[in-house]
Amino acid sequence: MSQTLILLFHPDFSRSRANRALADAARARSDTEIVDVQALYPDGLIDIDCEVARLLKADSIVFQFPLQWYSTPPLLKAWQDAVLTRMFYIAAETEGAKLASKPLLVAVTAGNVQHAYAADGANLFPLRDLLRPLQATANRCGLAWAEPFLIYNAHKADDETLQAAGEHYANRLGRLGGQAS
C-alpha cells in the first residue's frame, strides 16, 4: 500500500478550522500519515535525520499550510533549508535521488476570496503564481508537482463548506500516488 506523508505547517493549529478539517479528513485514510511539524519542533530545531527518513519512506508528499503574507509559514521555509539542503546538496546521490518522481502536493488555505488573487484583485497575483517557488523547489528536487489543493476564504467558511473541502481533499489524496500534474 502506498503511503502519503502530510507535513502540516500551521503556527497555531489549535485555532484553525480549515486546516483542521483537512487534517481530520486525511487522518481517516489508512494510507496517510500526518505530522504536525509545528508541534514537533516548536523551538524550530528540526531533527534532520528523522525528517529525511520520513521522506524516504513516503510514496507521496504533501505540504499543508495556511498562506501567510503571500508565502509559506516560517517553519516550512526553515524545514526546506535544513532538510532539502542536506538531501539535495550534501547527500544528493544517497538521499535526494531517492525522492525522484515522488508526487508533491501543496494544500493551501488562504484567508481572502478567490477573485482577490488575480491581476486586478487585491492580491495582484493568482494564488498558484504565489506558489511558484514551491513548484521550482519540487522541480529542482525531482519531485512530480501535483496541481495544488486550494481553499479560499478559509477563515470565513462554514462547517458544511469545510466538511466538503475535507472530503474533496481526502479523495484527492487517494488519487495522488498515480497523479503527477
N, C-alpha and C. Protein backbone atom coordinates (compact mmCIF):
# COMPACT_ATOMS: atom_id res chain seq x y z
N MET A 1 0.85 -1.19 0.00
CA MET A 1 0.00 0.00 0.00
C MET A 1 0.89 1.24 0.00
N SER A 2 0.56 2.18 -0.86
CA SER A 2 1.35 3.40 -0.90
C SER A 2 1.05 4.26 0.32
N GLN A 3 2.01 5.05 0.70
CA GLN A 3 1.92 5.86 1.91
C GLN A 3 2.06 7.33 1.55
N THR A 4 1.09 8.13 1.96
CA THR A 4 1.15 9.57 1.76
C THR A 4 1.56 10.23 3.06
N LEU A 5 2.55 11.08 3.00
CA LEU A 5 3.04 11.82 4.15
C LEU A 5 2.56 13.26 4.04
N ILE A 6 1.78 13.71 5.03
CA ILE A 6 1.36 15.11 5.09
C ILE A 6 2.18 15.80 6.15
N LEU A 7 2.94 16.78 5.73
CA LEU A 7 3.69 17.62 6.65
C LEU A 7 2.87 18.89 6.85
N LEU A 8 2.31 19.01 8.03
CA LEU A 8 1.41 20.12 8.38
C LEU A 8 2.23 21.22 9.04
N PHE A 9 2.21 22.39 8.43
CA PHE A 9 2.94 23.55 8.95
C PHE A 9 1.93 24.64 9.28
N HIS A 10 1.42 24.62 10.49
CA HIS A 10 0.46 25.64 10.91
C HIS A 10 0.94 26.22 12.23
N PRO A 11 1.20 27.53 12.29
CA PRO A 11 1.74 28.13 13.51
C PRO A 11 0.78 28.12 14.69
N ASP A 12 -0.52 27.92 14.45
CA ASP A 12 -1.49 27.87 15.55
C ASP A 12 -2.62 26.91 15.18
N PHE A 13 -2.27 25.65 15.02
CA PHE A 13 -3.21 24.64 14.55
C PHE A 13 -4.41 24.50 15.48
N SER A 14 -4.23 24.73 16.76
CA SER A 14 -5.34 24.58 17.72
C SER A 14 -6.49 25.54 17.41
N ARG A 15 -6.21 26.63 16.73
CA ARG A 15 -7.25 27.61 16.40
C ARG A 15 -7.73 27.53 14.95
N SER A 16 -7.16 26.61 14.21
CA SER A 16 -7.51 26.51 12.79
C SER A 16 -8.74 25.66 12.58
N ARG A 17 -9.67 26.15 11.81
CA ARG A 17 -10.83 25.35 11.42
C ARG A 17 -10.60 24.71 10.07
N ALA A 18 -10.05 25.45 9.13
CA ALA A 18 -9.88 24.94 7.77
C ALA A 18 -8.80 23.86 7.71
N ASN A 19 -7.63 24.14 8.25
CA ASN A 19 -6.57 23.13 8.22
C ASN A 19 -6.93 21.92 9.07
N ARG A 20 -7.68 22.13 10.13
CA ARG A 20 -8.14 21.00 10.96
C ARG A 20 -9.11 20.14 10.17
N ALA A 21 -10.02 20.75 9.43
CA ALA A 21 -10.97 19.97 8.62
C ALA A 21 -10.23 19.12 7.60
N LEU A 22 -9.23 19.69 6.98
CA LEU A 22 -8.43 18.93 6.01
C LEU A 22 -7.69 17.79 6.70
N ALA A 23 -7.04 18.10 7.82
CA ALA A 23 -6.27 17.08 8.53
C ALA A 23 -7.18 15.96 9.05
N ASP A 24 -8.35 16.32 9.57
CA ASP A 24 -9.28 15.31 10.08
C ASP A 24 -9.73 14.37 8.97
N ALA A 25 -10.03 14.92 7.81
CA ALA A 25 -10.45 14.08 6.68
C ALA A 25 -9.31 13.19 6.22
N ALA A 26 -8.11 13.73 6.18
CA ALA A 26 -6.95 12.94 5.76
C ALA A 26 -6.62 11.85 6.78
N ARG A 27 -6.80 12.17 8.05
CA ARG A 27 -6.49 11.23 9.12
C ARG A 27 -7.34 9.96 9.02
N ALA A 28 -8.51 10.08 8.43
CA ALA A 28 -9.40 8.92 8.28
C ALA A 28 -8.87 7.92 7.25
N ARG A 29 -7.90 8.32 6.47
CA ARG A 29 -7.33 7.43 5.45
C ARG A 29 -6.23 6.57 6.09
N SER A 30 -6.29 5.28 5.87
CA SER A 30 -5.30 4.38 6.47
C SER A 30 -3.93 4.49 5.80
N ASP A 31 -3.88 5.08 4.62
CA ASP A 31 -2.62 5.19 3.88
C ASP A 31 -1.95 6.55 4.06
N THR A 32 -2.36 7.28 5.08
CA THR A 32 -1.87 8.65 5.25
C THR A 32 -1.31 8.86 6.65
N GLU A 33 -0.13 9.47 6.71
CA GLU A 33 0.48 9.86 7.97
C GLU A 33 0.52 11.38 8.00
N ILE A 34 0.06 11.96 9.10
CA ILE A 34 0.09 13.41 9.26
C ILE A 34 1.08 13.76 10.36
N VAL A 35 1.98 14.66 10.05
CA VAL A 35 2.96 15.12 11.03
C VAL A 35 2.74 16.61 11.24
N ASP A 36 2.39 16.98 12.47
CA ASP A 36 2.24 18.39 12.83
C ASP A 36 3.64 18.92 13.15
N VAL A 37 4.28 19.47 12.15
CA VAL A 37 5.68 19.86 12.27
C VAL A 37 5.85 20.98 13.30
N GLN A 38 4.91 21.89 13.37
CA GLN A 38 4.99 22.98 14.35
C GLN A 38 4.96 22.43 15.78
N ALA A 39 4.09 21.45 16.04
CA ALA A 39 4.01 20.84 17.37
C ALA A 39 5.27 20.04 17.68
N LEU A 40 5.82 19.42 16.65
CA LEU A 40 7.02 18.59 16.82
C LEU A 40 8.26 19.43 17.09
N TYR A 41 8.34 20.59 16.45
CA TYR A 41 9.53 21.44 16.58
C TYR A 41 9.14 22.88 16.95
N PRO A 42 8.53 23.07 18.13
CA PRO A 42 8.09 24.43 18.49
C PRO A 42 9.26 25.42 18.63
N ASP A 43 10.45 24.88 18.88
CA ASP A 43 11.63 25.74 19.01
C ASP A 43 12.34 25.94 17.68
N GLY A 44 11.83 25.29 16.62
CA GLY A 44 12.42 25.43 15.30
C GLY A 44 13.66 24.57 15.06
N LEU A 45 14.04 23.77 16.05
CA LEU A 45 15.21 22.90 15.90
C LEU A 45 14.76 21.59 15.27
N ILE A 46 15.00 21.44 14.00
CA ILE A 46 14.48 20.32 13.21
C ILE A 46 15.42 19.13 13.28
N ASP A 47 14.87 17.95 13.55
CA ASP A 47 15.63 16.70 13.54
C ASP A 47 15.75 16.26 12.08
N ILE A 48 16.83 16.62 11.46
CA ILE A 48 17.00 16.39 10.02
C ILE A 48 17.01 14.90 9.70
N ASP A 49 17.68 14.08 10.50
CA ASP A 49 17.71 12.64 10.24
C ASP A 49 16.31 12.06 10.23
N CYS A 50 15.50 12.45 11.19
CA CYS A 50 14.11 11.97 11.28
C CYS A 50 13.30 12.41 10.07
N GLU A 51 13.46 13.64 9.66
CA GLU A 51 12.69 14.16 8.53
C GLU A 51 13.12 13.51 7.21
N VAL A 52 14.40 13.27 7.05
CA VAL A 52 14.87 12.58 5.85
C VAL A 52 14.29 11.17 5.80
N ALA A 53 14.32 10.47 6.93
CA ALA A 53 13.77 9.10 6.98
C ALA A 53 12.28 9.10 6.63
N ARG A 54 11.56 10.08 7.13
CA ARG A 54 10.12 10.20 6.82
C ARG A 54 9.89 10.36 5.32
N LEU A 55 10.65 11.25 4.71
CA LEU A 55 10.50 11.49 3.28
C LEU A 55 10.85 10.26 2.45
N LEU A 56 11.90 9.57 2.83
CA LEU A 56 12.32 8.40 2.07
C LEU A 56 11.30 7.27 2.16
N LYS A 57 10.59 7.19 3.28
CA LYS A 57 9.59 6.14 3.47
C LYS A 57 8.30 6.42 2.70
N ALA A 58 8.01 7.67 2.47
CA ALA A 58 6.74 8.07 1.83
C ALA A 58 6.75 7.80 0.33
N ASP A 59 5.56 7.54 -0.19
CA ASP A 59 5.39 7.41 -1.63
C ASP A 59 4.93 8.73 -2.25
N SER A 60 4.22 9.53 -1.47
CA SER A 60 3.73 10.85 -1.89
C SER A 60 3.93 11.80 -0.73
N ILE A 61 4.17 13.07 -1.04
CA ILE A 61 4.45 14.08 -0.02
C ILE A 61 3.49 15.24 -0.19
N VAL A 62 2.98 15.73 0.94
CA VAL A 62 2.08 16.88 0.94
C VAL A 62 2.61 17.91 1.93
N PHE A 63 2.69 19.16 1.49
CA PHE A 63 2.92 20.28 2.40
C PHE A 63 1.56 20.94 2.59
N GLN A 64 1.06 20.94 3.81
CA GLN A 64 -0.23 21.57 4.11
C GLN A 64 0.03 22.76 5.02
N PHE A 65 -0.52 23.93 4.64
CA PHE A 65 -0.24 25.14 5.41
C PHE A 65 -1.20 26.26 5.05
N PRO A 66 -1.32 27.24 5.96
CA PRO A 66 -2.04 28.47 5.62
C PRO A 66 -1.08 29.44 4.94
N LEU A 67 -1.56 30.11 3.93
CA LEU A 67 -0.76 31.14 3.27
C LEU A 67 -0.56 32.29 4.26
N GLN A 68 0.68 32.75 4.39
CA GLN A 68 0.98 33.86 5.29
C GLN A 68 1.81 34.89 4.54
N TRP A 69 1.26 36.07 4.38
CA TRP A 69 1.93 37.14 3.67
C TRP A 69 2.49 36.64 2.33
N TYR A 70 1.63 35.98 1.59
CA TYR A 70 1.93 35.52 0.23
C TYR A 70 3.02 34.47 0.17
N SER A 71 3.20 33.75 1.25
CA SER A 71 4.28 32.78 1.32
C SER A 71 3.92 31.65 2.27
N THR A 72 4.91 30.83 2.55
CA THR A 72 4.75 29.73 3.49
C THR A 72 4.99 30.23 4.92
N PRO A 73 4.50 29.49 5.91
CA PRO A 73 4.87 29.81 7.29
C PRO A 73 6.40 29.67 7.46
N PRO A 74 6.97 30.42 8.39
CA PRO A 74 8.43 30.41 8.55
C PRO A 74 9.03 29.02 8.79
N LEU A 75 8.32 28.16 9.53
CA LEU A 75 8.89 26.85 9.82
C LEU A 75 9.00 25.99 8.56
N LEU A 76 8.10 26.15 7.61
CA LEU A 76 8.22 25.40 6.36
C LEU A 76 9.49 25.84 5.61
N LYS A 77 9.76 27.11 5.58
CA LYS A 77 10.98 27.60 4.93
C LYS A 77 12.22 27.08 5.66
N ALA A 78 12.19 27.10 6.99
CA ALA A 78 13.33 26.58 7.77
C ALA A 78 13.50 25.08 7.54
N TRP A 79 12.37 24.37 7.46
CA TRP A 79 12.40 22.92 7.20
C TRP A 79 13.04 22.66 5.83
N GLN A 80 12.64 23.41 4.82
CA GLN A 80 13.23 23.25 3.49
C GLN A 80 14.73 23.52 3.53
N ASP A 81 15.11 24.60 4.19
CA ASP A 81 16.52 24.95 4.26
C ASP A 81 17.34 23.85 4.92
N ALA A 82 16.82 23.27 5.98
CA ALA A 82 17.55 22.23 6.71
C ALA A 82 17.52 20.89 5.98
N VAL A 83 16.33 20.41 5.69
CA VAL A 83 16.16 19.05 5.17
C VAL A 83 16.55 18.95 3.69
N LEU A 84 16.02 19.83 2.88
CA LEU A 84 16.29 19.72 1.44
C LEU A 84 17.72 20.10 1.09
N THR A 85 18.30 21.02 1.84
CA THR A 85 19.71 21.34 1.59
C THR A 85 20.57 20.11 1.83
N ARG A 86 20.30 19.41 2.91
CA ARG A 86 21.08 18.19 3.16
C ARG A 86 20.82 17.16 2.06
N MET A 87 19.55 16.93 1.74
CA MET A 87 19.21 15.86 0.80
C MET A 87 19.68 16.13 -0.62
N PHE A 88 19.71 17.39 -1.02
CA PHE A 88 19.99 17.69 -2.42
C PHE A 88 21.32 18.39 -2.67
N TYR A 89 22.02 18.80 -1.63
CA TYR A 89 23.33 19.42 -1.84
C TYR A 89 24.43 18.65 -1.13
N ILE A 90 24.12 18.07 0.02
CA ILE A 90 25.14 17.35 0.78
C ILE A 90 25.11 15.86 0.46
N ALA A 91 23.91 15.30 0.35
CA ALA A 91 23.76 13.85 0.13
C ALA A 91 22.87 13.57 -1.07
N ALA A 92 23.11 14.26 -2.15
CA ALA A 92 22.23 14.17 -3.32
C ALA A 92 22.11 12.75 -3.87
N GLU A 93 23.21 12.06 -3.98
CA GLU A 93 23.16 10.72 -4.58
C GLU A 93 22.61 9.67 -3.63
N THR A 94 22.88 9.81 -2.34
CA THR A 94 22.43 8.79 -1.39
C THR A 94 21.05 9.06 -0.81
N GLU A 95 20.60 10.30 -0.84
CA GLU A 95 19.28 10.62 -0.27
C GLU A 95 18.38 11.29 -1.30
N GLY A 96 18.80 12.40 -1.82
CA GLY A 96 17.95 13.18 -2.72
C GLY A 96 17.46 12.42 -3.92
N ALA A 97 18.33 11.63 -4.53
CA ALA A 97 17.94 10.88 -5.73
C ALA A 97 16.81 9.90 -5.45
N LYS A 98 16.67 9.49 -4.20
CA LYS A 98 15.62 8.52 -3.84
C LYS A 98 14.23 9.14 -3.82
N LEU A 99 14.14 10.45 -3.90
CA LEU A 99 12.83 11.11 -3.95
C LEU A 99 12.35 11.32 -5.38
N ALA A 100 13.17 11.02 -6.35
CA ALA A 100 12.84 11.29 -7.75
C ALA A 100 11.47 10.75 -8.13
N SER A 101 10.68 11.63 -8.71
CA SER A 101 9.35 11.32 -9.26
C SER A 101 8.26 11.11 -8.22
N LYS A 102 8.58 11.23 -6.94
CA LYS A 102 7.51 11.15 -5.94
C LYS A 102 6.64 12.40 -6.10
N PRO A 103 5.31 12.25 -6.03
CA PRO A 103 4.45 13.42 -6.15
C PRO A 103 4.57 14.34 -4.94
N LEU A 104 4.53 15.64 -5.20
CA LEU A 104 4.45 16.65 -4.14
C LEU A 104 3.19 17.47 -4.39
N LEU A 105 2.33 17.47 -3.39
CA LEU A 105 1.11 18.28 -3.42
C LEU A 105 1.23 19.34 -2.35
N VAL A 106 0.87 20.57 -2.66
CA VAL A 106 0.73 21.59 -1.63
C VAL A 106 -0.76 21.84 -1.43
N ALA A 107 -1.16 21.81 -0.17
CA ALA A 107 -2.54 22.06 0.21
C ALA A 107 -2.54 23.36 1.01
N VAL A 108 -3.15 24.38 0.45
CA VAL A 108 -3.01 25.73 1.00
C VAL A 108 -4.37 26.33 1.32
N THR A 109 -4.47 26.91 2.50
CA THR A 109 -5.66 27.67 2.86
C THR A 109 -5.30 29.15 2.80
N ALA A 110 -6.18 29.93 2.20
CA ALA A 110 -5.96 31.37 2.06
C ALA A 110 -7.14 32.11 2.68
N GLY A 111 -6.86 33.21 3.31
CA GLY A 111 -7.89 33.95 4.00
C GLY A 111 -8.79 34.78 3.11
N ASN A 112 -8.31 35.15 1.95
CA ASN A 112 -9.10 36.02 1.09
C ASN A 112 -9.90 35.21 0.08
N VAL A 113 -10.83 35.87 -0.58
CA VAL A 113 -11.67 35.23 -1.59
C VAL A 113 -10.87 35.00 -2.87
N GLN A 114 -11.32 34.06 -3.69
CA GLN A 114 -10.57 33.68 -4.88
C GLN A 114 -10.33 34.85 -5.83
N HIS A 115 -11.32 35.69 -6.04
CA HIS A 115 -11.14 36.79 -7.01
C HIS A 115 -10.15 37.85 -6.53
N ALA A 116 -9.77 37.81 -5.25
CA ALA A 116 -8.73 38.72 -4.77
C ALA A 116 -7.35 38.30 -5.27
N TYR A 117 -7.24 37.03 -5.66
CA TYR A 117 -5.98 36.51 -6.18
C TYR A 117 -6.01 36.53 -7.70
N ALA A 118 -5.93 37.72 -8.25
CA ALA A 118 -5.96 37.92 -9.70
C ALA A 118 -5.23 39.22 -10.01
N ALA A 119 -4.87 39.42 -11.27
CA ALA A 119 -4.14 40.62 -11.67
C ALA A 119 -4.88 41.89 -11.29
N ASP A 120 -6.20 41.85 -11.32
CA ASP A 120 -6.99 43.03 -10.96
C ASP A 120 -7.57 42.92 -9.55
N GLY A 121 -7.09 41.96 -8.77
CA GLY A 121 -7.59 41.76 -7.41
C GLY A 121 -6.69 42.39 -6.36
N ALA A 122 -7.13 42.33 -5.13
CA ALA A 122 -6.41 42.94 -4.01
C ALA A 122 -5.00 42.38 -3.83
N ASN A 123 -4.80 41.13 -4.22
CA ASN A 123 -3.50 40.49 -4.01
C ASN A 123 -2.63 40.43 -5.26
N LEU A 124 -3.13 40.96 -6.37
CA LEU A 124 -2.38 41.16 -7.60
C LEU A 124 -2.01 39.90 -8.39
N PHE A 125 -1.86 38.78 -7.74
CA PHE A 125 -1.43 37.56 -8.41
C PHE A 125 -2.36 36.40 -8.09
N PRO A 126 -2.52 35.47 -9.02
CA PRO A 126 -3.24 34.24 -8.70
C PRO A 126 -2.48 33.46 -7.63
N LEU A 127 -3.21 32.77 -6.79
CA LEU A 127 -2.57 32.01 -5.71
C LEU A 127 -1.57 30.99 -6.28
N ARG A 128 -1.90 30.38 -7.37
CA ARG A 128 -0.96 29.41 -7.97
C ARG A 128 0.38 30.08 -8.31
N ASP A 129 0.35 31.33 -8.73
CA ASP A 129 1.60 32.04 -9.02
C ASP A 129 2.41 32.27 -7.76
N LEU A 130 1.74 32.51 -6.65
CA LEU A 130 2.45 32.72 -5.39
C LEU A 130 3.12 31.44 -4.90
N LEU A 131 2.67 30.32 -5.41
CA LEU A 131 3.24 29.02 -5.03
C LEU A 131 4.38 28.58 -5.95
N ARG A 132 4.72 29.39 -6.92
CA ARG A 132 5.76 29.03 -7.89
C ARG A 132 7.11 28.68 -7.25
N PRO A 133 7.53 29.36 -6.17
CA PRO A 133 8.79 28.94 -5.54
C PRO A 133 8.75 27.48 -5.07
N LEU A 134 7.60 27.02 -4.60
CA LEU A 134 7.48 25.62 -4.20
C LEU A 134 7.52 24.70 -5.43
N GLN A 135 6.92 25.15 -6.51
CA GLN A 135 6.97 24.37 -7.74
C GLN A 135 8.42 24.28 -8.25
N ALA A 136 9.15 25.38 -8.16
CA ALA A 136 10.55 25.37 -8.57
C ALA A 136 11.37 24.44 -7.67
N THR A 137 11.06 24.45 -6.38
CA THR A 137 11.73 23.55 -5.45
C THR A 137 11.45 22.10 -5.81
N ALA A 138 10.18 21.79 -6.09
CA ALA A 138 9.83 20.43 -6.49
C ALA A 138 10.61 20.03 -7.74
N ASN A 139 10.67 20.92 -8.70
CA ASN A 139 11.40 20.64 -9.93
C ASN A 139 12.88 20.36 -9.65
N ARG A 140 13.48 21.22 -8.85
CA ARG A 140 14.91 21.06 -8.52
C ARG A 140 15.18 19.75 -7.79
N CYS A 141 14.20 19.30 -7.00
CA CYS A 141 14.36 18.08 -6.22
C CYS A 141 13.90 16.83 -6.97
N GLY A 142 13.43 17.01 -8.19
CA GLY A 142 12.99 15.86 -8.98
C GLY A 142 11.63 15.32 -8.57
N LEU A 143 10.88 16.09 -7.79
CA LEU A 143 9.55 15.67 -7.37
C LEU A 143 8.53 16.00 -8.46
N ALA A 144 7.50 15.21 -8.55
CA ALA A 144 6.44 15.44 -9.54
C ALA A 144 5.44 16.42 -8.93
N TRP A 145 5.36 17.61 -9.49
CA TRP A 145 4.47 18.66 -8.99
C TRP A 145 3.03 18.29 -9.30
N ALA A 146 2.21 18.21 -8.28
CA ALA A 146 0.78 17.95 -8.45
C ALA A 146 0.03 19.28 -8.39
N GLU A 147 -1.07 19.37 -9.08
CA GLU A 147 -1.89 20.58 -9.05
C GLU A 147 -2.25 20.90 -7.60
N PRO A 148 -1.97 22.12 -7.12
CA PRO A 148 -2.23 22.46 -5.72
C PRO A 148 -3.70 22.31 -5.32
N PHE A 149 -3.90 21.97 -4.05
CA PHE A 149 -5.24 21.91 -3.46
C PHE A 149 -5.41 23.23 -2.70
N LEU A 150 -6.38 24.04 -3.12
CA LEU A 150 -6.53 25.39 -2.58
C LEU A 150 -7.90 25.60 -1.95
N ILE A 151 -7.90 26.26 -0.81
CA ILE A 151 -9.14 26.70 -0.18
C ILE A 151 -9.04 28.21 0.02
N TYR A 152 -10.00 28.92 -0.52
CA TYR A 152 -10.05 30.37 -0.37
C TYR A 152 -11.04 30.75 0.72
N ASN A 153 -10.88 31.96 1.25
CA ASN A 153 -11.81 32.49 2.26
C ASN A 153 -11.93 31.52 3.44
N ALA A 154 -10.82 30.90 3.79
CA ALA A 154 -10.81 29.78 4.73
C ALA A 154 -11.35 30.14 6.11
N HIS A 155 -11.00 31.30 6.60
CA HIS A 155 -11.41 31.65 7.97
C HIS A 155 -12.90 31.99 8.07
N LYS A 156 -13.56 32.21 6.94
CA LYS A 156 -14.99 32.53 6.96
C LYS A 156 -15.86 31.37 6.49
N ALA A 157 -15.25 30.27 6.10
CA ALA A 157 -16.01 29.12 5.59
C ALA A 157 -16.84 28.50 6.72
N ASP A 158 -18.07 28.11 6.38
CA ASP A 158 -18.91 27.47 7.39
C ASP A 158 -18.54 25.98 7.50
N ASP A 159 -19.10 25.33 8.52
CA ASP A 159 -18.75 23.93 8.78
C ASP A 159 -19.06 23.02 7.60
N GLU A 160 -20.17 23.26 6.94
CA GLU A 160 -20.56 22.43 5.80
C GLU A 160 -19.55 22.56 4.66
N THR A 161 -19.13 23.78 4.40
CA THR A 161 -18.13 24.02 3.35
C THR A 161 -16.81 23.35 3.70
N LEU A 162 -16.41 23.44 4.96
CA LEU A 162 -15.15 22.83 5.38
C LEU A 162 -15.22 21.31 5.34
N GLN A 163 -16.37 20.76 5.69
CA GLN A 163 -16.53 19.31 5.62
C GLN A 163 -16.42 18.84 4.17
N ALA A 164 -17.07 19.55 3.27
CA ALA A 164 -17.00 19.20 1.85
C ALA A 164 -15.56 19.33 1.34
N ALA A 165 -14.86 20.37 1.77
CA ALA A 165 -13.46 20.54 1.36
C ALA A 165 -12.61 19.38 1.88
N GLY A 166 -12.88 18.96 3.11
CA GLY A 166 -12.15 17.83 3.69
C GLY A 166 -12.38 16.56 2.90
N GLU A 167 -13.61 16.32 2.50
CA GLU A 167 -13.93 15.13 1.70
C GLU A 167 -13.23 15.18 0.34
N HIS A 168 -13.25 16.36 -0.26
CA HIS A 168 -12.57 16.53 -1.55
C HIS A 168 -11.06 16.29 -1.40
N TYR A 169 -10.50 16.79 -0.32
CA TYR A 169 -9.07 16.62 -0.03
C TYR A 169 -8.73 15.14 0.14
N ALA A 170 -9.53 14.44 0.94
CA ALA A 170 -9.29 13.01 1.16
C ALA A 170 -9.34 12.24 -0.16
N ASN A 171 -10.29 12.59 -1.01
CA ASN A 171 -10.38 11.95 -2.33
C ASN A 171 -9.15 12.27 -3.18
N ARG A 172 -8.73 13.50 -3.11
CA ARG A 172 -7.54 13.92 -3.87
C ARG A 172 -6.30 13.17 -3.40
N LEU A 173 -6.19 12.99 -2.09
CA LEU A 173 -5.05 12.24 -1.55
C LEU A 173 -5.05 10.81 -2.06
N GLY A 174 -6.23 10.24 -2.19
CA GLY A 174 -6.34 8.87 -2.70
C GLY A 174 -5.87 8.72 -4.13
N ARG A 175 -5.96 9.78 -4.90
CA ARG A 175 -5.53 9.76 -6.30
C ARG A 175 -4.08 10.23 -6.48
N LEU A 176 -3.48 10.73 -5.42
CA LEU A 176 -2.18 11.38 -5.54
C LEU A 176 -1.07 10.45 -6.04
N GLY A 177 -1.04 9.24 -5.56
CA GLY A 177 0.04 8.33 -5.93
C GLY A 177 0.16 8.10 -7.42
N GLY A 178 -0.96 8.09 -8.12
CA GLY A 178 -0.92 7.84 -9.55
C GLY A 178 -1.01 9.09 -10.38
N GLN A 179 -0.90 10.25 -9.73
CA GLN A 179 -1.14 11.52 -10.44
C GLN A 179 0.06 12.43 -10.31
N ALA A 180 0.51 12.92 -11.41
CA ALA A 180 1.50 13.99 -11.44
C ALA A 180 1.01 15.00 -12.45
N SER A 181 0.60 16.16 -11.97
CA SER A 181 0.06 17.19 -12.86
C SER A 181 1.12 18.17 -13.25
